[in-house]
Amino acid sequence: MSLDNSKSGRHEARQPRGKVRWRRFAMVAVPAGVIAGILVGLTAEGAIASSISVSGQEYTVTASTLTGQGFEQFGGTVNQGNGQQPVVISAIHQAKLYNLCQSVKVGPVTLRLTAGGANNPAVADNLIVDASGQTGNVATFNNIAIGQDAGTLTDDPGTAGTSGGFGQQATSMSITNLRQQTWLTTAGTFTLPGLSIGFGGSC
């Protein structure tokens, strides 16, 4: 899947050295219900500042298929300790991810999360992803508007980019064999059936 935006949800976790990556990954992979509820409410109101920083490390996300209802995408930036990082911001009102995999380096090893089989996908509401790159075999968009002013995007989940910037939106979409390098993910809810977390190879 494949998205400084004052209306998108952002969060920051600063922990003592040696614990940052573990806790950041946990917050991305399995957001707590209360925190997620607050995030989606603040996202809708544009109350979360875009100045919130991300860790200095990307993580990989793959899925055999991503489907979504209510899709928006536009350019933006995230804040790192060493400056601004350009990202593609993708927002999906209701997303399903089949055979989801997330992996991140934790020191010399890779922490790997999998969830959502072929008949029981991972499900996210008001999903917002800040990624540096995304690939897929086939991408299909229904009722798409390409080149729309990013500040005027109107499809759910209701976020928008900077006025005058490039944006696109569609009522529904799907991507097969999705692979993306991601800086930050937020969601109102993220349900992960068949969750497995452990050390292993990358996705």
N, C-alpha and C. Protein backbone atom coordinates (compact mmCIF):
# COMPACT_ATOMS: atom_id res chain seq x y z
N MET A 1 0.85 -1.15 0.00
CA MET A 1 0.00 0.00 0.00
C MET A 1 0.88 1.19 0.00
N SER A 2 -0.35 1.51 -1.40
CA SER A 2 0.18 2.64 -1.67
C SER A 2 -0.76 3.15 -2.08
N LEU A 3 1.09 6.97 1.79
CA LEU A 3 0.57 7.92 1.42
C LEU A 3 1.47 8.42 2.33
N ASP A 4 3.80 17.05 4.87
CA ASP A 4 3.45 17.25 6.26
C ASP A 4 2.05 17.55 6.15
N ASN A 5 1.28 16.95 6.47
CA ASN A 5 -0.17 16.89 6.39
C ASN A 5 -0.72 17.10 7.78
N SER A 6 -1.42 18.29 7.95
CA SER A 6 -1.88 18.65 9.27
C SER A 6 -3.10 17.87 9.69
N LYS A 7 -3.72 17.10 8.77
CA LYS A 7 -4.93 16.39 9.12
C LYS A 7 -4.71 14.90 9.30
N SER A 8 -3.52 14.40 9.01
CA SER A 8 -3.27 12.98 9.16
C SER A 8 -2.81 12.67 10.56
N GLY A 9 -3.12 11.43 11.04
CA GLY A 9 -2.69 11.03 12.37
C GLY A 9 -1.23 10.75 12.42
N ARG A 10 -0.58 11.20 13.50
CA ARG A 10 0.83 10.93 13.70
C ARG A 10 1.03 10.62 15.18
N HIS A 11 2.08 9.83 15.51
CA HIS A 11 2.40 9.62 16.90
C HIS A 11 3.90 9.50 17.06
N GLU A 12 4.37 9.73 18.27
CA GLU A 12 5.81 9.71 18.55
C GLU A 12 6.04 8.89 19.80
N ALA A 13 7.06 8.06 19.80
CA ALA A 13 7.43 7.29 20.98
C ALA A 13 8.91 7.47 21.23
N ARG A 14 9.26 8.08 22.36
CA ARG A 14 10.66 8.24 22.72
C ARG A 14 10.92 7.41 23.96
N GLN A 15 11.79 6.41 23.85
CA GLN A 15 12.08 5.51 24.95
C GLN A 15 13.58 5.44 25.13
N PRO A 16 14.03 4.91 26.27
CA PRO A 16 15.47 4.77 26.48
C PRO A 16 16.10 3.92 25.39
N ARG A 17 17.37 4.19 25.16
CA ARG A 17 18.09 3.47 24.12
C ARG A 17 17.99 1.97 24.31
N GLY A 18 17.78 1.27 23.22
CA GLY A 18 17.65 -0.18 23.29
C GLY A 18 16.22 -0.64 23.32
N LYS A 19 15.26 0.28 23.57
CA LYS A 19 13.86 -0.09 23.64
C LYS A 19 13.03 0.61 22.58
N VAL A 20 13.60 1.57 21.91
CA VAL A 20 12.83 2.37 20.96
C VAL A 20 12.24 1.52 19.87
N ARG A 21 13.04 0.71 19.23
CA ARG A 21 12.58 -0.05 18.07
C ARG A 21 11.53 -1.06 18.46
N TRP A 22 11.69 -1.74 19.58
CA TRP A 22 10.70 -2.72 20.01
C TRP A 22 9.35 -2.06 20.20
N ARG A 23 9.31 -0.97 20.94
CA ARG A 23 8.03 -0.34 21.25
C ARG A 23 7.41 0.33 20.04
N ARG A 24 8.24 0.90 19.17
CA ARG A 24 7.71 1.50 17.95
C ARG A 24 7.03 0.44 17.09
N PHE A 25 7.69 -0.71 16.95
CA PHE A 25 7.12 -1.78 16.13
C PHE A 25 5.81 -2.28 16.73
N ALA A 26 5.78 -2.42 18.06
CA ALA A 26 4.56 -2.89 18.72
C ALA A 26 3.41 -1.92 18.49
N MET A 27 3.69 -0.62 18.55
CA MET A 27 2.63 0.37 18.35
C MET A 27 2.12 0.33 16.92
N VAL A 28 3.02 0.08 15.95
CA VAL A 28 2.59 0.00 14.56
C VAL A 28 1.79 -1.27 14.32
N ALA A 29 2.28 -2.38 14.85
CA ALA A 29 1.71 -3.67 14.52
C ALA A 29 0.41 -3.95 15.26
N VAL A 30 0.34 -3.62 16.55
CA VAL A 30 -0.82 -3.98 17.34
C VAL A 30 -1.26 -2.78 18.18
N PRO A 31 -1.85 -1.74 17.57
CA PRO A 31 -2.24 -0.56 18.32
C PRO A 31 -3.32 -0.88 19.34
N ALA A 32 -3.18 -0.33 20.55
CA ALA A 32 -4.18 -0.54 21.60
C ALA A 32 -5.47 0.17 21.24
N GLY A 33 -6.59 -0.39 21.65
CA GLY A 33 -7.89 0.15 21.29
C GLY A 33 -8.10 1.59 21.72
N VAL A 34 -7.72 1.90 22.96
CA VAL A 34 -7.95 3.25 23.45
C VAL A 34 -7.10 4.26 22.70
N ILE A 35 -5.82 3.95 22.52
CA ILE A 35 -4.94 4.85 21.79
C ILE A 35 -5.43 5.03 20.37
N ALA A 36 -5.83 3.93 19.73
CA ALA A 36 -6.29 4.01 18.35
C ALA A 36 -7.54 4.86 18.22
N GLY A 37 -8.45 4.71 19.19
CA GLY A 37 -9.67 5.51 19.15
C GLY A 37 -9.37 7.00 19.25
N ILE A 38 -8.44 7.36 20.13
CA ILE A 38 -8.05 8.76 20.26
C ILE A 38 -7.39 9.25 18.98
N LEU A 39 -6.54 8.41 18.38
CA LEU A 39 -5.84 8.80 17.16
C LEU A 39 -6.81 9.10 16.04
N VAL A 40 -7.80 8.22 15.84
CA VAL A 40 -8.69 8.44 14.71
C VAL A 40 -9.56 9.66 14.94
N GLY A 41 -9.93 9.92 16.20
CA GLY A 41 -10.71 11.12 16.48
C GLY A 41 -9.92 12.38 16.20
N LEU A 42 -8.68 12.40 16.65
CA LEU A 42 -7.85 13.58 16.42
C LEU A 42 -7.48 13.73 14.96
N THR A 43 -7.31 12.61 14.26
CA THR A 43 -7.03 12.68 12.83
C THR A 43 -8.17 13.34 12.09
N ALA A 44 -9.39 12.93 12.41
CA ALA A 44 -10.55 13.51 11.73
C ALA A 44 -10.66 15.00 11.98
N GLU A 45 -10.24 15.46 13.16
CA GLU A 45 -10.34 16.88 13.50
C GLU A 45 -9.10 17.66 13.09
N GLY A 46 -8.07 16.98 12.58
CA GLY A 46 -6.84 17.66 12.21
C GLY A 46 -6.08 18.19 13.40
N ALA A 47 -6.22 17.54 14.57
CA ALA A 47 -5.64 18.07 15.79
C ALA A 47 -4.23 17.57 16.05
N ILE A 48 -3.78 16.54 15.33
CA ILE A 48 -2.44 16.02 15.55
C ILE A 48 -1.47 16.78 14.65
N ALA A 49 -0.48 17.43 15.25
CA ALA A 49 0.44 18.26 14.48
C ALA A 49 1.32 17.42 13.58
N SER A 50 1.67 17.98 12.45
CA SER A 50 2.52 17.27 11.51
C SER A 50 3.98 17.28 11.93
N SER A 51 4.31 17.99 13.01
CA SER A 51 5.69 18.09 13.44
C SER A 51 6.14 16.89 14.26
N ILE A 52 5.23 15.95 14.56
CA ILE A 52 5.61 14.77 15.34
C ILE A 52 6.61 13.94 14.55
N SER A 53 7.66 13.51 15.22
CA SER A 53 8.77 12.84 14.55
C SER A 53 8.54 11.34 14.45
N VAL A 54 9.23 10.73 13.49
CA VAL A 54 9.25 9.28 13.36
C VAL A 54 10.65 8.79 13.66
N SER A 55 10.77 7.49 13.90
CA SER A 55 12.10 6.93 14.13
C SER A 55 12.90 7.01 12.84
N GLY A 56 14.19 6.82 12.94
CA GLY A 56 15.04 6.92 11.77
C GLY A 56 15.13 5.65 10.97
N GLN A 57 14.15 4.76 11.09
CA GLN A 57 14.22 3.47 10.42
C GLN A 57 12.89 3.12 9.77
N GLU A 58 12.94 2.73 8.50
CA GLU A 58 11.76 2.22 7.82
C GLU A 58 11.52 0.76 8.17
N TYR A 59 10.32 0.28 7.90
CA TYR A 59 10.02 -1.14 8.01
C TYR A 59 9.27 -1.57 6.75
N THR A 60 9.31 -2.85 6.46
CA THR A 60 8.73 -3.40 5.26
C THR A 60 7.35 -3.96 5.54
N VAL A 61 6.40 -3.69 4.64
CA VAL A 61 5.05 -4.23 4.71
C VAL A 61 4.73 -4.90 3.39
N THR A 62 4.24 -6.13 3.43
CA THR A 62 3.80 -6.81 2.23
C THR A 62 2.42 -7.42 2.46
N ALA A 63 1.69 -7.64 1.38
CA ALA A 63 0.40 -8.33 1.42
C ALA A 63 0.15 -8.94 0.05
N SER A 64 -0.44 -10.11 0.03
CA SER A 64 -0.76 -10.72 -1.27
C SER A 64 -1.81 -9.90 -2.00
N THR A 65 -2.75 -9.33 -1.24
CA THR A 65 -3.76 -8.43 -1.81
C THR A 65 -4.16 -7.40 -0.78
N LEU A 66 -4.27 -6.16 -1.21
CA LEU A 66 -4.85 -5.08 -0.42
C LEU A 66 -6.10 -4.60 -1.14
N THR A 67 -7.23 -4.56 -0.45
CA THR A 67 -8.44 -3.96 -1.00
C THR A 67 -8.90 -2.86 -0.06
N GLY A 68 -9.53 -1.83 -0.63
CA GLY A 68 -9.95 -0.71 0.20
C GLY A 68 -11.17 -0.01 -0.34
N GLN A 69 -11.96 0.55 0.57
CA GLN A 69 -13.09 1.41 0.26
C GLN A 69 -12.77 2.80 0.76
N GLY A 70 -12.86 3.80 -0.13
CA GLY A 70 -12.53 5.16 0.25
C GLY A 70 -11.04 5.36 0.29
N PHE A 71 -10.46 5.83 -0.82
CA PHE A 71 -9.00 5.91 -0.96
C PHE A 71 -8.58 7.33 -1.33
N GLU A 72 -7.55 7.83 -0.66
CA GLU A 72 -6.94 9.11 -0.98
C GLU A 72 -5.43 8.95 -0.94
N GLN A 73 -4.73 9.73 -1.78
CA GLN A 73 -3.26 9.65 -1.80
C GLN A 73 -2.69 11.00 -2.23
N PHE A 74 -1.62 11.40 -1.56
CA PHE A 74 -0.98 12.67 -1.87
C PHE A 74 0.42 12.66 -1.27
N GLY A 75 1.23 13.65 -1.64
CA GLY A 75 2.59 13.74 -1.14
C GLY A 75 2.67 14.52 0.15
N GLY A 76 3.71 14.24 0.92
CA GLY A 76 3.93 14.95 2.17
C GLY A 76 5.32 14.67 2.70
N THR A 77 5.56 15.00 3.94
CA THR A 77 6.83 14.73 4.58
C THR A 77 6.60 14.25 6.00
N VAL A 78 7.58 13.53 6.52
CA VAL A 78 7.61 13.18 7.94
C VAL A 78 8.90 13.74 8.52
N ASN A 79 8.90 14.00 9.80
CA ASN A 79 10.05 14.59 10.47
C ASN A 79 10.92 13.51 11.09
N GLN A 80 12.19 13.52 10.71
CA GLN A 80 13.18 12.66 11.35
C GLN A 80 14.13 13.54 12.15
N GLY A 81 14.98 12.91 12.94
CA GLY A 81 15.94 13.67 13.71
C GLY A 81 16.90 14.46 12.85
N ASN A 82 17.16 13.97 11.62
CA ASN A 82 18.11 14.64 10.74
C ASN A 82 17.44 15.42 9.62
N GLY A 83 16.13 15.69 9.74
CA GLY A 83 15.45 16.52 8.75
C GLY A 83 14.18 15.89 8.22
N GLN A 84 13.66 16.48 7.13
CA GLN A 84 12.41 16.04 6.52
C GLN A 84 12.63 14.89 5.55
N GLN A 85 11.71 13.92 5.57
CA GLN A 85 11.73 12.80 4.66
C GLN A 85 10.48 12.84 3.80
N PRO A 86 10.61 12.92 2.46
CA PRO A 86 9.41 12.91 1.61
C PRO A 86 8.73 11.55 1.65
N VAL A 87 7.41 11.56 1.64
CA VAL A 87 6.63 10.32 1.69
C VAL A 87 5.41 10.43 0.79
N VAL A 88 4.90 9.28 0.42
CA VAL A 88 3.59 9.16 -0.21
C VAL A 88 2.60 8.79 0.90
N ILE A 89 1.59 9.61 1.09
CA ILE A 89 0.60 9.39 2.14
C ILE A 89 -0.63 8.75 1.52
N SER A 90 -0.96 7.55 1.96
CA SER A 90 -2.13 6.83 1.48
C SER A 90 -3.12 6.68 2.62
N ALA A 91 -4.37 7.06 2.38
CA ALA A 91 -5.42 6.95 3.39
C ALA A 91 -6.55 6.09 2.85
N ILE A 92 -6.97 5.09 3.63
CA ILE A 92 -8.04 4.18 3.22
C ILE A 92 -9.07 4.09 4.35
N HIS A 93 -10.32 4.33 4.00
CA HIS A 93 -11.37 4.30 5.03
C HIS A 93 -11.54 2.90 5.61
N GLN A 94 -11.67 1.90 4.75
CA GLN A 94 -11.79 0.52 5.20
C GLN A 94 -10.86 -0.34 4.34
N ALA A 95 -9.88 -0.96 4.98
CA ALA A 95 -8.87 -1.73 4.24
C ALA A 95 -8.85 -3.18 4.71
N LYS A 96 -8.60 -4.08 3.76
CA LYS A 96 -8.38 -5.49 4.05
C LYS A 96 -7.04 -5.90 3.46
N LEU A 97 -6.20 -6.55 4.27
CA LEU A 97 -4.88 -6.99 3.84
C LEU A 97 -4.78 -8.49 4.01
N TYR A 98 -4.61 -9.18 2.89
CA TYR A 98 -4.51 -10.64 2.90
C TYR A 98 -3.04 -11.05 2.98
N ASN A 99 -2.75 -12.02 3.86
CA ASN A 99 -1.38 -12.50 4.06
C ASN A 99 -0.43 -11.34 4.36
N LEU A 100 -0.79 -10.59 5.36
CA LEU A 100 -0.01 -9.43 5.79
C LEU A 100 1.30 -9.86 6.44
N CYS A 101 2.38 -9.14 6.11
CA CYS A 101 3.67 -9.36 6.74
C CYS A 101 4.32 -8.01 7.00
N GLN A 102 4.90 -7.84 8.19
CA GLN A 102 5.67 -6.64 8.53
C GLN A 102 6.99 -7.10 9.13
N SER A 103 8.07 -6.45 8.72
CA SER A 103 9.38 -6.81 9.28
C SER A 103 10.21 -5.57 9.52
N VAL A 104 11.02 -5.61 10.56
CA VAL A 104 11.88 -4.49 10.92
C VAL A 104 13.14 -5.04 11.56
N LYS A 105 14.27 -4.40 11.26
CA LYS A 105 15.52 -4.81 11.88
C LYS A 105 15.58 -4.33 13.32
N VAL A 106 15.92 -5.23 14.21
CA VAL A 106 16.12 -4.91 15.63
C VAL A 106 17.53 -5.31 15.97
N GLY A 107 18.46 -4.36 15.86
CA GLY A 107 19.86 -4.71 16.03
C GLY A 107 20.30 -5.65 14.92
N PRO A 108 20.90 -6.79 15.28
CA PRO A 108 21.41 -7.71 14.25
C PRO A 108 20.35 -8.68 13.72
N VAL A 109 19.13 -8.66 14.27
CA VAL A 109 18.11 -9.63 13.86
C VAL A 109 16.90 -8.91 13.28
N THR A 110 16.00 -9.68 12.69
CA THR A 110 14.78 -9.13 12.10
C THR A 110 13.57 -9.61 12.89
N LEU A 111 12.74 -8.67 13.32
CA LEU A 111 11.48 -8.98 13.98
C LEU A 111 10.40 -9.01 12.91
N ARG A 112 9.63 -10.10 12.89
CA ARG A 112 8.68 -10.34 11.80
C ARG A 112 7.29 -10.60 12.36
N LEU A 113 6.30 -9.94 11.78
CA LEU A 113 4.90 -10.11 12.15
C LEU A 113 4.12 -10.60 10.94
N THR A 114 3.26 -11.60 11.14
CA THR A 114 2.37 -12.04 10.08
C THR A 114 0.95 -12.14 10.64
N ALA A 115 -0.03 -11.96 9.76
CA ALA A 115 -1.44 -12.04 10.16
C ALA A 115 -2.29 -12.08 8.91
N GLY A 116 -3.52 -12.56 9.05
CA GLY A 116 -4.49 -12.46 7.98
C GLY A 116 -4.26 -13.43 6.84
N GLY A 117 -4.94 -14.57 6.87
CA GLY A 117 -4.80 -15.54 5.80
C GLY A 117 -5.68 -15.22 4.61
N ALA A 118 -5.73 -16.16 3.68
CA ALA A 118 -6.46 -15.95 2.44
C ALA A 118 -7.96 -15.77 2.66
N ASN A 119 -8.50 -16.42 3.69
CA ASN A 119 -9.93 -16.33 3.94
C ASN A 119 -10.28 -15.49 5.16
N ASN A 120 -9.29 -14.93 5.82
CA ASN A 120 -9.53 -14.15 7.03
C ASN A 120 -8.51 -13.02 7.10
N PRO A 121 -8.70 -11.97 6.32
CA PRO A 121 -7.68 -10.92 6.20
C PRO A 121 -7.58 -10.04 7.43
N ALA A 122 -6.44 -9.36 7.56
CA ALA A 122 -6.32 -8.28 8.54
C ALA A 122 -7.21 -7.13 8.06
N VAL A 123 -7.84 -6.43 9.02
CA VAL A 123 -8.79 -5.38 8.68
C VAL A 123 -8.42 -4.11 9.43
N ALA A 124 -8.39 -2.98 8.73
CA ALA A 124 -8.06 -1.69 9.35
C ALA A 124 -9.09 -0.65 8.93
N ASP A 125 -9.50 0.18 9.88
CA ASP A 125 -10.39 1.30 9.60
C ASP A 125 -9.61 2.60 9.72
N ASN A 126 -9.86 3.53 8.78
CA ASN A 126 -9.17 4.82 8.76
C ASN A 126 -7.66 4.63 8.83
N LEU A 127 -7.18 3.82 7.91
CA LEU A 127 -5.76 3.49 7.82
C LEU A 127 -5.01 4.59 7.08
N ILE A 128 -3.93 5.09 7.67
CA ILE A 128 -3.09 6.10 7.03
C ILE A 128 -1.65 5.62 7.08
N VAL A 129 -1.00 5.57 5.91
CA VAL A 129 0.35 5.04 5.79
C VAL A 129 1.24 6.08 5.13
N ASP A 130 2.38 6.36 5.74
CA ASP A 130 3.41 7.23 5.18
C ASP A 130 4.54 6.34 4.69
N ALA A 131 4.72 6.26 3.38
CA ALA A 131 5.69 5.34 2.81
C ALA A 131 6.63 6.06 1.86
N SER A 132 7.85 5.54 1.74
CA SER A 132 8.82 6.11 0.80
C SER A 132 8.73 5.45 -0.56
N GLY A 133 8.09 4.28 -0.64
CA GLY A 133 7.97 3.60 -1.91
C GLY A 133 6.97 2.47 -1.83
N GLN A 134 6.40 2.11 -2.98
CA GLN A 134 5.38 1.07 -3.02
C GLN A 134 5.38 0.41 -4.39
N THR A 135 5.24 -0.91 -4.42
CA THR A 135 5.12 -1.63 -5.67
C THR A 135 3.99 -2.65 -5.56
N GLY A 136 3.50 -3.11 -6.72
CA GLY A 136 2.46 -4.12 -6.77
C GLY A 136 2.37 -4.67 -8.17
N ASN A 137 1.80 -5.86 -8.32
CA ASN A 137 1.65 -6.45 -9.65
C ASN A 137 0.58 -5.75 -10.46
N VAL A 138 -0.63 -5.64 -9.88
CA VAL A 138 -1.75 -4.99 -10.55
C VAL A 138 -2.47 -4.10 -9.56
N ALA A 139 -2.68 -2.84 -9.93
CA ALA A 139 -3.44 -1.90 -9.11
C ALA A 139 -4.69 -1.50 -9.87
N THR A 140 -5.84 -1.60 -9.21
CA THR A 140 -7.12 -1.25 -9.82
C THR A 140 -7.81 -0.20 -8.96
N PHE A 141 -8.23 0.91 -9.59
CA PHE A 141 -8.92 1.98 -8.89
C PHE A 141 -10.26 2.25 -9.57
N ASN A 142 -11.29 2.36 -8.77
CA ASN A 142 -12.62 2.62 -9.29
C ASN A 142 -13.04 4.06 -9.01
N ASN A 143 -13.59 4.73 -10.04
CA ASN A 143 -14.03 6.12 -9.93
C ASN A 143 -12.89 7.01 -9.41
N ILE A 144 -11.76 6.93 -10.11
CA ILE A 144 -10.57 7.64 -9.66
C ILE A 144 -10.49 9.02 -10.28
N ALA A 145 -10.01 9.99 -9.50
CA ALA A 145 -9.70 11.34 -9.97
C ALA A 145 -8.23 11.57 -9.71
N ILE A 146 -7.42 11.69 -10.78
CA ILE A 146 -5.98 11.85 -10.68
C ILE A 146 -5.62 13.30 -10.96
N GLY A 147 -4.78 13.89 -10.12
CA GLY A 147 -4.37 15.27 -10.31
C GLY A 147 -5.24 16.28 -9.59
N GLN A 148 -6.11 15.79 -8.72
CA GLN A 148 -6.95 16.69 -7.94
C GLN A 148 -6.11 17.44 -6.92
N ASP A 149 -6.49 18.70 -6.64
CA ASP A 149 -5.83 19.49 -5.59
C ASP A 149 -5.89 18.71 -4.29
N ALA A 150 -4.73 18.44 -3.71
CA ALA A 150 -4.66 17.60 -2.50
C ALA A 150 -5.44 18.21 -1.34
N GLY A 151 -5.60 19.53 -1.34
CA GLY A 151 -6.36 20.17 -0.27
C GLY A 151 -7.85 20.03 -0.40
N THR A 152 -8.33 19.50 -1.53
CA THR A 152 -9.77 19.38 -1.76
C THR A 152 -10.25 17.94 -1.78
N LEU A 153 -9.42 16.98 -1.38
CA LEU A 153 -9.84 15.58 -1.38
C LEU A 153 -11.03 15.39 -0.44
N THR A 154 -12.01 14.64 -0.89
CA THR A 154 -13.27 14.54 -0.14
C THR A 154 -13.68 13.12 0.21
N ASP A 155 -13.06 12.09 -0.38
CA ASP A 155 -13.46 10.72 -0.06
C ASP A 155 -13.07 10.37 1.37
N ASP A 156 -13.81 9.40 1.96
CA ASP A 156 -13.39 8.88 3.26
C ASP A 156 -11.98 8.34 3.11
N PRO A 157 -11.12 8.42 4.17
CA PRO A 157 -11.42 8.78 5.55
C PRO A 157 -11.44 10.26 5.86
N GLY A 158 -11.43 11.14 4.89
CA GLY A 158 -11.64 12.56 5.16
C GLY A 158 -10.38 13.35 5.44
N THR A 159 -9.21 12.77 5.25
CA THR A 159 -7.99 13.54 5.41
C THR A 159 -7.69 14.26 4.10
N ALA A 160 -6.74 15.17 4.10
CA ALA A 160 -6.39 15.91 2.89
C ALA A 160 -4.96 16.40 3.00
N GLY A 161 -4.39 16.77 1.86
CA GLY A 161 -3.03 17.25 1.81
C GLY A 161 -2.95 18.76 1.78
N THR A 162 -1.82 19.27 1.35
CA THR A 162 -1.60 20.71 1.28
C THR A 162 -2.31 21.29 0.06
N SER A 163 -2.98 22.40 0.26
CA SER A 163 -3.70 23.05 -0.83
C SER A 163 -2.75 23.37 -1.98
N GLY A 164 -3.14 23.04 -3.18
CA GLY A 164 -2.31 23.26 -4.36
C GLY A 164 -1.42 22.10 -4.72
N GLY A 165 -1.32 21.10 -3.84
CA GLY A 165 -0.49 19.94 -4.11
C GLY A 165 -1.21 18.89 -4.93
N PHE A 166 -0.44 17.95 -5.48
CA PHE A 166 -0.98 16.88 -6.31
C PHE A 166 -1.64 15.83 -5.43
N GLY A 167 -2.84 15.41 -5.82
CA GLY A 167 -3.53 14.36 -5.09
C GLY A 167 -4.39 13.51 -6.00
N GLN A 168 -4.86 12.39 -5.48
CA GLN A 168 -5.80 11.55 -6.21
C GLN A 168 -6.70 10.84 -5.20
N GLN A 169 -7.89 10.47 -5.67
CA GLN A 169 -8.81 9.76 -4.81
C GLN A 169 -9.66 8.81 -5.65
N ALA A 170 -10.18 7.75 -4.99
CA ALA A 170 -11.01 6.76 -5.66
C ALA A 170 -12.00 6.20 -4.65
N THR A 171 -13.14 5.75 -5.14
CA THR A 171 -14.14 5.19 -4.23
C THR A 171 -13.72 3.83 -3.71
N SER A 172 -12.96 3.07 -4.52
CA SER A 172 -12.45 1.77 -4.07
C SER A 172 -11.19 1.43 -4.85
N MET A 173 -10.41 0.46 -4.34
CA MET A 173 -9.16 0.12 -4.98
C MET A 173 -8.70 -1.27 -4.55
N SER A 174 -7.75 -1.82 -5.32
CA SER A 174 -7.11 -3.08 -4.92
C SER A 174 -5.71 -3.11 -5.52
N ILE A 175 -4.79 -3.74 -4.80
CA ILE A 175 -3.42 -3.93 -5.27
C ILE A 175 -3.01 -5.36 -4.94
N THR A 176 -2.47 -6.07 -5.92
CA THR A 176 -1.98 -7.43 -5.68
C THR A 176 -0.48 -7.41 -5.49
N ASN A 177 0.01 -8.32 -4.66
CA ASN A 177 1.43 -8.44 -4.35
C ASN A 177 2.02 -7.09 -3.94
N LEU A 178 1.38 -6.50 -2.97
CA LEU A 178 1.82 -5.20 -2.45
C LEU A 178 3.12 -5.33 -1.67
N ARG A 179 4.02 -4.36 -1.89
CA ARG A 179 5.25 -4.26 -1.10
C ARG A 179 5.55 -2.79 -0.92
N GLN A 180 5.79 -2.36 0.32
CA GLN A 180 6.10 -0.96 0.55
C GLN A 180 7.08 -0.79 1.70
N GLN A 181 7.84 0.29 1.60
CA GLN A 181 8.75 0.70 2.67
C GLN A 181 8.07 1.84 3.41
N THR A 182 7.86 1.64 4.70
CA THR A 182 6.95 2.50 5.46
C THR A 182 7.66 3.15 6.63
N TRP A 183 7.32 4.43 6.86
CA TRP A 183 7.83 5.17 8.01
C TRP A 183 6.85 5.17 9.17
N LEU A 184 5.56 5.24 8.87
CA LEU A 184 4.56 5.42 9.92
C LEU A 184 3.21 4.89 9.47
N THR A 185 2.52 4.19 10.36
CA THR A 185 1.16 3.72 10.11
C THR A 185 0.28 4.09 11.29
N THR A 186 -0.91 4.64 11.02
CA THR A 186 -1.90 4.84 12.06
C THR A 186 -3.23 4.28 11.58
N ALA A 187 -4.09 3.90 12.51
CA ALA A 187 -5.41 3.39 12.16
C ALA A 187 -6.35 3.58 13.33
N GLY A 188 -7.64 3.70 13.03
CA GLY A 188 -8.63 3.76 14.09
C GLY A 188 -8.73 2.42 14.81
N THR A 189 -8.83 1.35 14.03
CA THR A 189 -8.74 -0.02 14.55
C THR A 189 -7.92 -0.83 13.57
N PHE A 190 -7.20 -1.83 14.10
CA PHE A 190 -6.40 -2.73 13.26
C PHE A 190 -6.57 -4.13 13.84
N THR A 191 -7.34 -4.97 13.15
CA THR A 191 -7.64 -6.32 13.61
C THR A 191 -6.75 -7.30 12.87
N LEU A 192 -6.01 -8.13 13.62
CA LEU A 192 -5.00 -9.02 13.05
C LEU A 192 -5.30 -10.47 13.41
N PRO A 193 -6.13 -11.16 12.64
CA PRO A 193 -6.39 -12.58 12.91
C PRO A 193 -5.16 -13.42 12.62
N GLY A 194 -4.96 -14.46 13.41
CA GLY A 194 -3.82 -15.35 13.20
C GLY A 194 -2.50 -14.67 13.42
N LEU A 195 -2.45 -13.74 14.37
CA LEU A 195 -1.23 -12.96 14.64
C LEU A 195 -0.07 -13.85 15.08
N SER A 196 1.10 -13.60 14.48
CA SER A 196 2.32 -14.29 14.88
C SER A 196 3.46 -13.29 14.84
N ILE A 197 4.20 -13.18 15.94
CA ILE A 197 5.35 -12.29 16.03
C ILE A 197 6.55 -13.08 16.50
N GLY A 198 7.66 -12.96 15.82
CA GLY A 198 8.86 -13.67 16.20
C GLY A 198 10.03 -13.23 15.37
N PHE A 199 11.16 -13.86 15.59
CA PHE A 199 12.36 -13.56 14.83
C PHE A 199 12.45 -14.46 13.62
N GLY A 200 12.81 -13.86 12.50
CA GLY A 200 12.89 -14.65 11.28
C GLY A 200 13.34 -13.78 10.14
N GLY A 201 13.20 -14.29 8.93
CA GLY A 201 13.59 -13.55 7.74
C GLY A 201 12.68 -12.38 7.47
N SER A 202 13.13 -11.49 6.61
CA SER A 202 12.32 -10.34 6.24
C SER A 202 11.16 -10.77 5.36
N CYS A 203 10.19 -9.88 5.17
CA CYS A 203 9.01 -10.18 4.37
C CYS A 203 9.38 -10.22 2.87
